[in-house]
């Protein structure tokens, strides 16, 4: 979870991933490239995912990012974005569940920079305004979530992973999973 990152322990993702992959390659029993998928947001990490893994699993992204990832990786590598979901009645309820959660992630350089590359302004990212919130969080009913999943698929996703947030994030969202499974699968 993002709030468990200690100040000063953040490492540049590309360098850390390169070191990690070097370790996998040098292991006594290396993990084959075809058995790897990398968390990738920026252009250089996507490039790494295309050359040293089977594809990318971008976290906290928009369908536009999925389109960019597909274009960067080409037709063969996997593009497996995560989509954060809040099943709720309105934006105010969605913000009550996910607003502070989102702001914590947007304080990290890689997520912030990802949004800036997509054309969001620093002010929008700093405040996690409605445009940023709506772009990153699929909120509403099952139809709204299915529509967002369809946007990712139309943008080139092979699969979309749903992360469901609820009011008490210490409780597994079993009911929400059931509702979404019936609607999205």
N, C-alpha and C. Protein backbone atom coordinates (compact mmCIF):
# COMPACT_ATOMS: atom_id res chain seq x y z
N UNK A 1 0.84 -1.17 0.00
CA UNK A 1 0.00 0.00 0.00
C UNK A 1 0.89 1.24 0.00
N UNK A 2 0.45 2.28 -0.67
CA UNK A 2 1.30 3.45 -0.87
C UNK A 2 1.71 4.11 0.43
N UNK A 3 0.86 4.13 1.45
CA UNK A 3 1.23 4.83 2.68
C UNK A 3 2.29 4.08 3.48
N UNK A 4 2.69 2.90 3.03
CA UNK A 4 3.75 2.17 3.72
C UNK A 4 5.14 2.50 3.18
N UNK A 5 5.21 3.33 2.15
CA UNK A 5 6.51 3.71 1.59
C UNK A 5 7.15 4.73 2.53
N UNK A 6 8.33 4.41 3.00
CA UNK A 6 9.03 5.30 3.92
C UNK A 6 9.71 6.42 3.15
N UNK A 7 9.68 7.64 3.70
CA UNK A 7 10.38 8.75 3.04
C UNK A 7 11.86 8.38 2.83
N UNK A 8 12.36 8.74 1.68
CA UNK A 8 13.76 8.46 1.37
C UNK A 8 14.01 7.07 0.81
N UNK A 9 13.02 6.18 0.83
CA UNK A 9 13.21 4.83 0.32
C UNK A 9 12.74 4.67 -1.11
N UNK A 10 12.13 5.68 -1.67
CA UNK A 10 11.66 5.62 -3.04
C UNK A 10 12.86 5.54 -3.97
N UNK A 11 12.82 4.60 -4.91
CA UNK A 11 13.91 4.45 -5.87
C UNK A 11 13.35 4.68 -7.27
N UNK A 12 14.21 5.12 -8.14
CA UNK A 12 13.79 5.34 -9.52
C UNK A 12 13.37 3.99 -10.11
N UNK A 13 12.14 3.91 -10.60
CA UNK A 13 11.60 2.62 -11.04
C UNK A 13 12.39 1.95 -12.15
N UNK A 14 12.85 2.68 -13.15
CA UNK A 14 13.55 2.06 -14.28
C UNK A 14 14.85 1.40 -13.83
N UNK A 15 15.64 2.10 -13.04
CA UNK A 15 16.90 1.53 -12.55
C UNK A 15 16.65 0.32 -11.65
N UNK A 16 15.66 0.44 -10.77
CA UNK A 16 15.35 -0.68 -9.87
C UNK A 16 14.87 -1.89 -10.66
N UNK A 17 14.04 -1.68 -11.68
CA UNK A 17 13.54 -2.80 -12.47
C UNK A 17 14.66 -3.44 -13.28
N UNK A 18 15.54 -2.63 -13.85
CA UNK A 18 16.67 -3.19 -14.59
C UNK A 18 17.54 -4.07 -13.71
N UNK A 19 17.82 -3.61 -12.50
CA UNK A 19 18.60 -4.40 -11.55
C UNK A 19 17.88 -5.69 -11.19
N UNK A 20 16.58 -5.59 -10.96
CA UNK A 20 15.79 -6.78 -10.63
C UNK A 20 15.81 -7.79 -11.77
N UNK A 21 15.63 -7.32 -13.01
CA UNK A 21 15.64 -8.23 -14.15
C UNK A 21 17.01 -8.85 -14.37
N UNK A 22 18.07 -8.08 -14.13
CA UNK A 22 19.42 -8.64 -14.21
C UNK A 22 19.56 -9.79 -13.22
N UNK A 23 19.00 -9.62 -12.03
CA UNK A 23 19.03 -10.68 -11.03
C UNK A 23 18.26 -11.90 -11.48
N UNK A 24 17.10 -11.69 -12.08
CA UNK A 24 16.32 -12.83 -12.60
C UNK A 24 17.09 -13.57 -13.69
N UNK A 25 17.75 -12.81 -14.57
CA UNK A 25 18.51 -13.43 -15.65
C UNK A 25 19.72 -14.20 -15.13
N UNK A 26 20.32 -13.72 -14.04
CA UNK A 26 21.53 -14.34 -13.50
C UNK A 26 21.23 -15.45 -12.49
N UNK A 27 19.97 -15.67 -12.17
CA UNK A 27 19.60 -16.67 -11.16
C UNK A 27 19.98 -18.07 -11.64
N UNK A 28 20.16 -18.95 -10.69
CA UNK A 28 20.47 -20.35 -11.01
C UNK A 28 19.41 -20.93 -11.94
N UNK A 29 18.16 -20.60 -11.69
CA UNK A 29 17.05 -20.98 -12.57
C UNK A 29 16.37 -19.69 -13.03
N UNK A 30 16.85 -19.09 -14.12
CA UNK A 30 16.32 -17.79 -14.56
C UNK A 30 14.82 -17.87 -14.87
N UNK A 31 14.14 -16.77 -14.64
CA UNK A 31 12.73 -16.66 -15.02
C UNK A 31 12.70 -16.25 -16.49
N UNK A 32 12.09 -17.08 -17.34
CA UNK A 32 12.08 -16.76 -18.78
C UNK A 32 11.37 -15.44 -19.06
N UNK A 33 11.82 -14.75 -20.08
CA UNK A 33 11.21 -13.48 -20.49
C UNK A 33 9.71 -13.68 -20.73
N UNK A 34 9.33 -14.81 -21.33
CA UNK A 34 7.93 -15.07 -21.63
C UNK A 34 7.07 -15.29 -20.38
N UNK A 35 7.70 -15.42 -19.22
CA UNK A 35 6.97 -15.62 -17.96
C UNK A 35 6.95 -14.35 -17.10
N UNK A 36 7.34 -13.23 -17.66
CA UNK A 36 7.41 -11.97 -16.92
C UNK A 36 6.44 -10.95 -17.50
N UNK A 37 5.86 -10.15 -16.63
CA UNK A 37 5.10 -8.97 -17.02
C UNK A 37 5.53 -7.87 -16.07
N UNK A 38 5.84 -6.69 -16.59
CA UNK A 38 6.36 -5.61 -15.76
C UNK A 38 5.31 -4.53 -15.50
N UNK A 39 5.33 -4.01 -14.30
CA UNK A 39 4.59 -2.79 -14.01
C UNK A 39 5.26 -1.68 -14.79
N UNK A 40 4.54 -1.02 -15.68
CA UNK A 40 5.18 -0.04 -16.56
C UNK A 40 4.24 1.13 -16.81
N UNK A 41 4.75 2.33 -16.60
CA UNK A 41 3.98 3.56 -16.86
C UNK A 41 4.62 4.40 -17.96
N UNK A 42 5.89 4.76 -17.78
CA UNK A 42 6.55 5.67 -18.70
C UNK A 42 7.10 5.00 -19.93
N UNK A 43 7.50 5.80 -20.90
CA UNK A 43 7.99 5.26 -22.18
C UNK A 43 9.17 4.31 -22.03
N UNK A 44 10.12 4.64 -21.17
CA UNK A 44 11.30 3.77 -21.04
C UNK A 44 10.95 2.47 -20.32
N UNK A 45 10.05 2.52 -19.35
CA UNK A 45 9.64 1.29 -18.67
C UNK A 45 8.81 0.43 -19.63
N UNK A 46 7.97 1.06 -20.44
CA UNK A 46 7.23 0.29 -21.44
C UNK A 46 8.18 -0.37 -22.43
N UNK A 47 9.22 0.35 -22.82
CA UNK A 47 10.24 -0.23 -23.72
C UNK A 47 10.89 -1.44 -23.06
N UNK A 48 11.23 -1.32 -21.78
CA UNK A 48 11.81 -2.44 -21.04
C UNK A 48 10.85 -3.62 -20.99
N UNK A 49 9.55 -3.33 -20.78
CA UNK A 49 8.54 -4.39 -20.75
C UNK A 49 8.44 -5.10 -22.09
N UNK A 50 8.68 -4.37 -23.16
CA UNK A 50 8.61 -4.96 -24.48
C UNK A 50 9.84 -5.76 -24.87
N UNK A 51 10.99 -5.48 -24.24
CA UNK A 51 12.22 -6.18 -24.60
C UNK A 51 12.63 -7.24 -23.59
N UNK A 52 12.25 -7.07 -22.32
CA UNK A 52 12.72 -8.00 -21.29
C UNK A 52 11.59 -8.71 -20.56
N UNK A 53 10.37 -8.61 -21.12
CA UNK A 53 9.22 -9.26 -20.50
C UNK A 53 8.19 -9.57 -21.59
N UNK A 54 7.13 -10.23 -21.19
CA UNK A 54 6.06 -10.58 -22.12
C UNK A 54 5.10 -9.41 -22.35
N UNK A 55 5.21 -8.38 -21.50
CA UNK A 55 4.35 -7.22 -21.67
C UNK A 55 4.31 -6.38 -20.42
N UNK A 56 3.27 -5.55 -20.33
CA UNK A 56 3.18 -4.56 -19.26
C UNK A 56 1.86 -4.67 -18.49
N UNK A 57 1.96 -4.38 -17.19
CA UNK A 57 0.79 -4.31 -16.30
C UNK A 57 0.80 -2.92 -15.66
N UNK A 58 0.33 -1.92 -16.40
CA UNK A 58 0.33 -0.56 -15.85
C UNK A 58 -0.74 -0.40 -14.77
N UNK A 59 -0.37 0.28 -13.69
CA UNK A 59 -1.24 0.49 -12.54
C UNK A 59 -1.68 1.94 -12.48
N UNK A 60 -2.94 2.15 -12.17
CA UNK A 60 -3.52 3.48 -12.01
C UNK A 60 -3.36 4.29 -13.29
N UNK A 61 -4.00 3.79 -14.34
CA UNK A 61 -3.89 4.41 -15.66
C UNK A 61 -5.27 4.63 -16.28
N UNK A 62 -5.26 5.41 -17.34
CA UNK A 62 -6.46 5.72 -18.11
C UNK A 62 -6.51 4.86 -19.37
N UNK A 63 -7.65 4.78 -20.03
CA UNK A 63 -7.69 4.11 -21.33
C UNK A 63 -6.74 4.75 -22.35
N UNK A 64 -6.51 6.06 -22.25
CA UNK A 64 -5.56 6.71 -23.15
C UNK A 64 -4.14 6.17 -22.91
N UNK A 65 -3.79 5.92 -21.66
CA UNK A 65 -2.49 5.32 -21.38
C UNK A 65 -2.42 3.92 -21.99
N UNK A 66 -3.52 3.19 -21.91
CA UNK A 66 -3.55 1.85 -22.51
C UNK A 66 -3.29 1.93 -24.01
N UNK A 67 -3.88 2.92 -24.67
CA UNK A 67 -3.65 3.11 -26.11
C UNK A 67 -2.17 3.39 -26.38
N UNK A 68 -1.57 4.24 -25.55
CA UNK A 68 -0.15 4.58 -25.70
C UNK A 68 0.72 3.34 -25.44
N UNK A 69 0.38 2.57 -24.43
CA UNK A 69 1.14 1.35 -24.12
C UNK A 69 1.06 0.36 -25.28
N UNK A 70 -0.12 0.19 -25.83
CA UNK A 70 -0.27 -0.73 -26.96
C UNK A 70 0.58 -0.25 -28.14
N UNK A 71 0.55 1.03 -28.43
CA UNK A 71 1.34 1.56 -29.54
C UNK A 71 2.83 1.37 -29.28
N UNK A 72 3.26 1.57 -28.04
CA UNK A 72 4.68 1.43 -27.71
C UNK A 72 5.14 -0.02 -27.78
N UNK A 73 4.29 -0.93 -27.35
CA UNK A 73 4.67 -2.34 -27.28
C UNK A 73 4.45 -3.09 -28.59
N UNK A 74 3.54 -2.63 -29.41
CA UNK A 74 3.22 -3.35 -30.63
C UNK A 74 2.12 -4.38 -30.37
N UNK A 75 1.87 -5.20 -31.37
CA UNK A 75 0.72 -6.11 -31.33
C UNK A 75 0.89 -7.32 -30.42
N UNK A 76 2.08 -7.84 -30.29
CA UNK A 76 2.27 -9.12 -29.60
C UNK A 76 2.34 -9.05 -28.07
N UNK A 77 3.12 -8.14 -27.49
CA UNK A 77 3.22 -8.14 -26.02
C UNK A 77 1.87 -7.87 -25.36
N UNK A 78 1.75 -8.39 -24.14
CA UNK A 78 0.52 -8.19 -23.38
C UNK A 78 0.44 -6.78 -22.83
N UNK A 79 -0.76 -6.21 -22.83
CA UNK A 79 -1.07 -4.95 -22.16
C UNK A 79 -2.20 -5.27 -21.19
N UNK A 80 -1.89 -5.17 -19.90
CA UNK A 80 -2.78 -5.64 -18.84
C UNK A 80 -3.01 -4.54 -17.80
N UNK A 81 -3.74 -3.49 -18.13
CA UNK A 81 -3.89 -2.38 -17.19
C UNK A 81 -4.76 -2.74 -15.98
N UNK A 82 -4.48 -2.04 -14.88
CA UNK A 82 -5.33 -2.09 -13.69
C UNK A 82 -6.33 -0.96 -13.80
N UNK A 83 -7.56 -1.22 -13.37
CA UNK A 83 -8.59 -0.18 -13.30
C UNK A 83 -9.16 -0.16 -11.89
N UNK A 84 -9.02 0.97 -11.20
CA UNK A 84 -9.59 1.12 -9.88
C UNK A 84 -11.08 1.40 -10.02
N UNK A 85 -11.87 0.76 -9.15
CA UNK A 85 -13.33 0.80 -9.24
C UNK A 85 -13.93 1.13 -7.88
N UNK A 86 -14.97 1.97 -7.90
CA UNK A 86 -15.80 2.20 -6.72
C UNK A 86 -17.25 2.06 -7.17
N UNK A 87 -17.92 1.03 -6.68
CA UNK A 87 -19.35 0.89 -6.97
C UNK A 87 -20.11 1.79 -6.01
N UNK A 88 -20.81 2.77 -6.58
CA UNK A 88 -21.47 3.77 -5.74
C UNK A 88 -22.54 4.49 -6.54
N UNK A 89 -23.24 5.39 -5.85
CA UNK A 89 -24.34 6.12 -6.48
C UNK A 89 -23.91 7.40 -7.17
N UNK A 90 -22.86 8.06 -6.67
CA UNK A 90 -22.48 9.35 -7.24
C UNK A 90 -21.01 9.66 -6.95
N UNK A 91 -20.52 10.76 -7.57
CA UNK A 91 -19.11 11.13 -7.44
C UNK A 91 -18.77 11.44 -5.98
N UNK A 92 -19.66 12.08 -5.24
CA UNK A 92 -19.37 12.41 -3.84
C UNK A 92 -19.09 11.14 -3.03
N UNK A 93 -19.88 10.13 -3.25
CA UNK A 93 -19.64 8.85 -2.55
C UNK A 93 -18.34 8.22 -3.02
N UNK A 94 -18.07 8.27 -4.32
CA UNK A 94 -16.82 7.72 -4.86
C UNK A 94 -15.62 8.44 -4.27
N UNK A 95 -15.70 9.76 -4.18
CA UNK A 95 -14.60 10.54 -3.60
C UNK A 95 -14.42 10.23 -2.12
N UNK A 96 -15.51 9.99 -1.40
CA UNK A 96 -15.39 9.65 0.02
C UNK A 96 -14.63 8.34 0.19
N UNK A 97 -14.79 7.43 -0.74
CA UNK A 97 -14.10 6.14 -0.68
C UNK A 97 -12.67 6.24 -1.20
N UNK A 98 -12.46 6.91 -2.32
CA UNK A 98 -11.18 6.83 -3.01
C UNK A 98 -10.39 8.13 -3.10
N UNK A 99 -10.91 9.22 -2.62
CA UNK A 99 -10.24 10.51 -2.78
C UNK A 99 -8.87 10.57 -2.13
N UNK A 100 -8.78 10.26 -0.85
CA UNK A 100 -7.49 10.32 -0.16
C UNK A 100 -6.55 9.22 -0.63
N UNK A 101 -7.09 8.07 -0.94
CA UNK A 101 -6.31 6.96 -1.50
C UNK A 101 -5.61 7.43 -2.77
N UNK A 102 -6.37 8.09 -3.65
CA UNK A 102 -5.81 8.56 -4.91
C UNK A 102 -4.76 9.64 -4.68
N UNK A 103 -5.02 10.58 -3.81
CA UNK A 103 -4.05 11.65 -3.55
C UNK A 103 -2.72 11.08 -3.06
N UNK A 104 -2.76 10.02 -2.27
CA UNK A 104 -1.52 9.41 -1.79
C UNK A 104 -0.69 8.89 -2.97
N UNK A 105 -1.32 8.23 -3.91
CA UNK A 105 -0.60 7.74 -5.08
C UNK A 105 -0.08 8.88 -5.95
N UNK A 106 -0.88 9.93 -6.09
CA UNK A 106 -0.48 11.03 -6.96
C UNK A 106 0.66 11.85 -6.38
N UNK A 107 1.02 11.60 -5.13
CA UNK A 107 2.18 12.25 -4.55
C UNK A 107 3.48 11.57 -4.96
N UNK A 108 3.39 10.39 -5.54
CA UNK A 108 4.58 9.66 -6.00
C UNK A 108 4.96 10.10 -7.41
N UNK A 109 6.24 10.30 -7.67
CA UNK A 109 6.67 10.87 -8.96
C UNK A 109 6.22 10.07 -10.18
N UNK A 110 6.25 8.76 -10.12
CA UNK A 110 5.93 7.99 -11.33
C UNK A 110 4.46 8.15 -11.73
N UNK A 111 3.54 8.18 -10.77
CA UNK A 111 2.13 8.35 -11.11
C UNK A 111 1.84 9.78 -11.53
N UNK A 112 2.45 10.72 -10.84
CA UNK A 112 2.30 12.14 -11.18
C UNK A 112 2.79 12.39 -12.62
N UNK A 113 4.00 11.93 -12.90
CA UNK A 113 4.57 12.13 -14.23
C UNK A 113 3.76 11.45 -15.33
N UNK A 114 3.20 10.29 -15.02
CA UNK A 114 2.36 9.59 -15.99
C UNK A 114 1.18 10.47 -16.40
N UNK A 115 0.55 11.10 -15.42
CA UNK A 115 -0.59 11.97 -15.73
C UNK A 115 -0.16 13.23 -16.46
N UNK A 116 0.97 13.79 -16.09
CA UNK A 116 1.46 14.99 -16.78
C UNK A 116 1.75 14.67 -18.25
N UNK A 117 2.31 13.50 -18.51
CA UNK A 117 2.57 13.09 -19.91
C UNK A 117 1.26 12.96 -20.69
N UNK A 118 0.16 12.62 -20.00
CA UNK A 118 -1.14 12.48 -20.67
C UNK A 118 -1.83 13.82 -20.88
N UNK A 119 -1.23 14.91 -20.41
CA UNK A 119 -1.80 16.22 -20.65
C UNK A 119 -2.55 16.85 -19.49
N UNK A 120 -2.57 16.18 -18.34
CA UNK A 120 -3.17 16.80 -17.16
C UNK A 120 -2.22 17.87 -16.65
N UNK A 121 -2.76 18.92 -16.03
CA UNK A 121 -1.93 19.99 -15.51
C UNK A 121 -1.46 19.64 -14.10
N UNK A 122 -0.41 20.33 -13.66
CA UNK A 122 0.08 20.12 -12.30
C UNK A 122 -1.01 20.42 -11.28
N UNK A 123 -1.79 21.46 -11.52
CA UNK A 123 -2.87 21.81 -10.59
C UNK A 123 -3.91 20.70 -10.51
N UNK A 124 -4.27 20.12 -11.65
CA UNK A 124 -5.24 19.02 -11.67
C UNK A 124 -4.72 17.82 -10.90
N UNK A 125 -3.45 17.50 -11.11
CA UNK A 125 -2.86 16.35 -10.43
C UNK A 125 -2.72 16.63 -8.93
N UNK A 126 -2.23 17.81 -8.57
CA UNK A 126 -2.05 18.15 -7.16
C UNK A 126 -3.35 18.05 -6.38
N UNK A 127 -4.44 18.47 -6.98
CA UNK A 127 -5.72 18.47 -6.27
C UNK A 127 -6.54 17.21 -6.51
N UNK A 128 -6.06 16.35 -7.41
CA UNK A 128 -6.85 15.18 -7.82
C UNK A 128 -8.26 15.65 -8.16
N UNK A 129 -8.34 16.68 -9.01
CA UNK A 129 -9.64 17.28 -9.33
C UNK A 129 -10.55 16.28 -10.04
N UNK A 130 -11.76 16.71 -10.35
CA UNK A 130 -12.74 15.79 -10.92
C UNK A 130 -12.27 15.16 -12.22
N UNK A 131 -11.57 15.92 -13.05
CA UNK A 131 -11.10 15.36 -14.34
C UNK A 131 -10.10 14.23 -14.10
N UNK A 132 -9.17 14.42 -13.18
CA UNK A 132 -8.19 13.38 -12.84
C UNK A 132 -8.90 12.21 -12.17
N UNK A 133 -9.74 12.51 -11.20
CA UNK A 133 -10.45 11.45 -10.48
C UNK A 133 -11.27 10.59 -11.44
N UNK A 134 -12.04 11.24 -12.30
CA UNK A 134 -12.89 10.49 -13.23
C UNK A 134 -12.08 9.71 -14.27
N UNK A 135 -10.90 10.21 -14.62
CA UNK A 135 -10.06 9.51 -15.59
C UNK A 135 -9.45 8.24 -14.99
N UNK A 136 -9.16 8.26 -13.69
CA UNK A 136 -8.47 7.14 -13.05
C UNK A 136 -9.38 6.17 -12.31
N UNK A 137 -10.50 6.66 -11.82
CA UNK A 137 -11.40 5.84 -11.00
C UNK A 137 -12.68 5.60 -11.78
N UNK A 138 -12.99 4.34 -12.05
CA UNK A 138 -14.29 4.01 -12.65
C UNK A 138 -15.29 3.91 -11.50
N UNK A 139 -16.21 4.84 -11.46
CA UNK A 139 -17.18 4.85 -10.36
C UNK A 139 -18.59 4.85 -10.94
N UNK A 140 -19.49 4.37 -10.12
CA UNK A 140 -20.89 4.28 -10.54
C UNK A 140 -21.37 2.86 -10.40
N UNK A 141 -22.29 2.47 -11.29
CA UNK A 141 -22.83 1.12 -11.23
C UNK A 141 -22.03 0.17 -12.13
N UNK A 142 -22.51 -1.04 -12.23
CA UNK A 142 -21.82 -2.06 -13.03
C UNK A 142 -21.69 -1.65 -14.50
N UNK A 143 -22.71 -0.98 -15.03
CA UNK A 143 -22.64 -0.53 -16.42
C UNK A 143 -21.52 0.48 -16.64
N UNK A 144 -21.33 1.37 -15.67
CA UNK A 144 -20.25 2.36 -15.77
C UNK A 144 -18.89 1.68 -15.75
N UNK A 145 -18.74 0.68 -14.90
CA UNK A 145 -17.47 -0.05 -14.84
C UNK A 145 -17.24 -0.83 -16.12
N UNK A 146 -18.28 -1.50 -16.61
CA UNK A 146 -18.15 -2.25 -17.86
C UNK A 146 -17.76 -1.31 -19.01
N UNK A 147 -18.34 -0.12 -19.04
CA UNK A 147 -18.00 0.85 -20.09
C UNK A 147 -16.52 1.22 -20.03
N UNK A 148 -15.97 1.41 -18.83
CA UNK A 148 -14.55 1.75 -18.70
C UNK A 148 -13.68 0.57 -19.13
N UNK A 149 -14.05 -0.63 -18.73
CA UNK A 149 -13.31 -1.82 -19.16
C UNK A 149 -13.33 -1.91 -20.68
N UNK A 150 -14.48 -1.64 -21.28
CA UNK A 150 -14.57 -1.67 -22.74
C UNK A 150 -13.68 -0.61 -23.39
N UNK A 151 -13.52 0.55 -22.74
CA UNK A 151 -12.62 1.58 -23.26
C UNK A 151 -11.18 1.07 -23.27
N UNK A 152 -10.77 0.41 -22.20
CA UNK A 152 -9.41 -0.16 -22.15
C UNK A 152 -9.24 -1.22 -23.24
N UNK A 153 -10.24 -2.07 -23.39
CA UNK A 153 -10.14 -3.11 -24.42
C UNK A 153 -10.06 -2.51 -25.81
N UNK A 154 -10.87 -1.48 -26.07
CA UNK A 154 -10.83 -0.81 -27.38
C UNK A 154 -9.48 -0.13 -27.62
N UNK A 155 -8.83 0.25 -26.54
CA UNK A 155 -7.51 0.90 -26.64
C UNK A 155 -6.38 -0.11 -26.79
N UNK A 156 -6.67 -1.40 -26.71
CA UNK A 156 -5.65 -2.42 -26.94
C UNK A 156 -5.33 -3.32 -25.77
N UNK A 157 -6.08 -3.24 -24.68
CA UNK A 157 -5.81 -4.11 -23.53
C UNK A 157 -6.17 -5.55 -23.85
N UNK A 158 -5.31 -6.47 -23.44
CA UNK A 158 -5.61 -7.89 -23.54
C UNK A 158 -6.51 -8.33 -22.40
N UNK A 159 -6.35 -7.67 -21.28
CA UNK A 159 -7.09 -8.01 -20.05
C UNK A 159 -7.07 -6.76 -19.18
N UNK A 160 -8.12 -6.56 -18.39
CA UNK A 160 -8.18 -5.42 -17.48
C UNK A 160 -8.39 -5.98 -16.07
N UNK A 161 -7.48 -5.64 -15.18
CA UNK A 161 -7.58 -6.06 -13.78
C UNK A 161 -8.36 -5.01 -13.01
N UNK A 162 -9.40 -5.44 -12.29
CA UNK A 162 -10.20 -4.51 -11.51
C UNK A 162 -9.76 -4.55 -10.06
N UNK A 163 -9.49 -3.37 -9.52
CA UNK A 163 -9.19 -3.22 -8.10
C UNK A 163 -10.38 -2.47 -7.49
N UNK A 164 -11.13 -3.15 -6.66
CA UNK A 164 -12.32 -2.57 -6.07
C UNK A 164 -11.98 -1.95 -4.72
N UNK A 165 -12.33 -0.69 -4.56
CA UNK A 165 -12.19 -0.02 -3.28
C UNK A 165 -13.58 0.12 -2.66
N UNK A 166 -13.63 -0.05 -1.35
CA UNK A 166 -14.88 0.18 -0.64
C UNK A 166 -14.61 1.06 0.56
N UNK A 167 -15.66 1.43 1.28
CA UNK A 167 -15.53 2.39 2.37
C UNK A 167 -14.55 1.93 3.44
N UNK A 168 -14.51 0.65 3.73
CA UNK A 168 -13.57 0.10 4.70
C UNK A 168 -12.58 -0.77 3.94
N UNK A 169 -11.44 -0.20 3.61
CA UNK A 169 -10.49 -0.90 2.75
C UNK A 169 -9.77 -2.04 3.46
N UNK A 170 -10.11 -2.27 4.72
CA UNK A 170 -9.57 -3.44 5.43
C UNK A 170 -10.46 -4.67 5.21
N UNK A 171 -11.63 -4.46 4.62
CA UNK A 171 -12.59 -5.53 4.39
C UNK A 171 -12.58 -5.89 2.90
N UNK A 172 -12.46 -7.18 2.60
CA UNK A 172 -12.49 -7.61 1.21
C UNK A 172 -13.84 -7.26 0.58
N UNK A 173 -13.83 -6.73 -0.63
CA UNK A 173 -15.08 -6.32 -1.29
C UNK A 173 -15.78 -7.48 -2.00
N UNK A 174 -16.11 -8.51 -1.26
CA UNK A 174 -16.67 -9.72 -1.87
C UNK A 174 -17.97 -9.45 -2.63
N UNK A 175 -18.87 -8.70 -2.04
CA UNK A 175 -20.14 -8.40 -2.71
C UNK A 175 -19.91 -7.62 -4.00
N UNK A 176 -19.00 -6.66 -3.95
CA UNK A 176 -18.68 -5.89 -5.15
C UNK A 176 -18.06 -6.79 -6.23
N UNK A 177 -17.20 -7.69 -5.83
CA UNK A 177 -16.60 -8.64 -6.79
C UNK A 177 -17.69 -9.47 -7.46
N UNK A 178 -18.64 -9.94 -6.67
CA UNK A 178 -19.74 -10.75 -7.23
C UNK A 178 -20.54 -9.93 -8.25
N UNK A 179 -20.86 -8.70 -7.88
CA UNK A 179 -21.62 -7.85 -8.79
C UNK A 179 -20.86 -7.60 -10.09
N UNK A 180 -19.58 -7.33 -9.97
CA UNK A 180 -18.79 -7.05 -11.16
C UNK A 180 -18.55 -8.29 -12.01
N UNK A 181 -18.36 -9.42 -11.37
CA UNK A 181 -18.16 -10.66 -12.12
C UNK A 181 -19.35 -10.94 -13.02
N UNK A 182 -20.53 -10.73 -12.49
CA UNK A 182 -21.74 -10.96 -13.29
C UNK A 182 -21.88 -9.96 -14.42
N UNK A 183 -21.38 -8.75 -14.21
CA UNK A 183 -21.56 -7.68 -15.20
C UNK A 183 -20.45 -7.59 -16.23
N UNK A 184 -19.22 -7.88 -15.85
CA UNK A 184 -18.07 -7.60 -16.71
C UNK A 184 -17.53 -8.85 -17.39
N UNK A 185 -17.61 -9.98 -16.75
CA UNK A 185 -17.00 -11.19 -17.31
C UNK A 185 -17.83 -11.78 -18.43
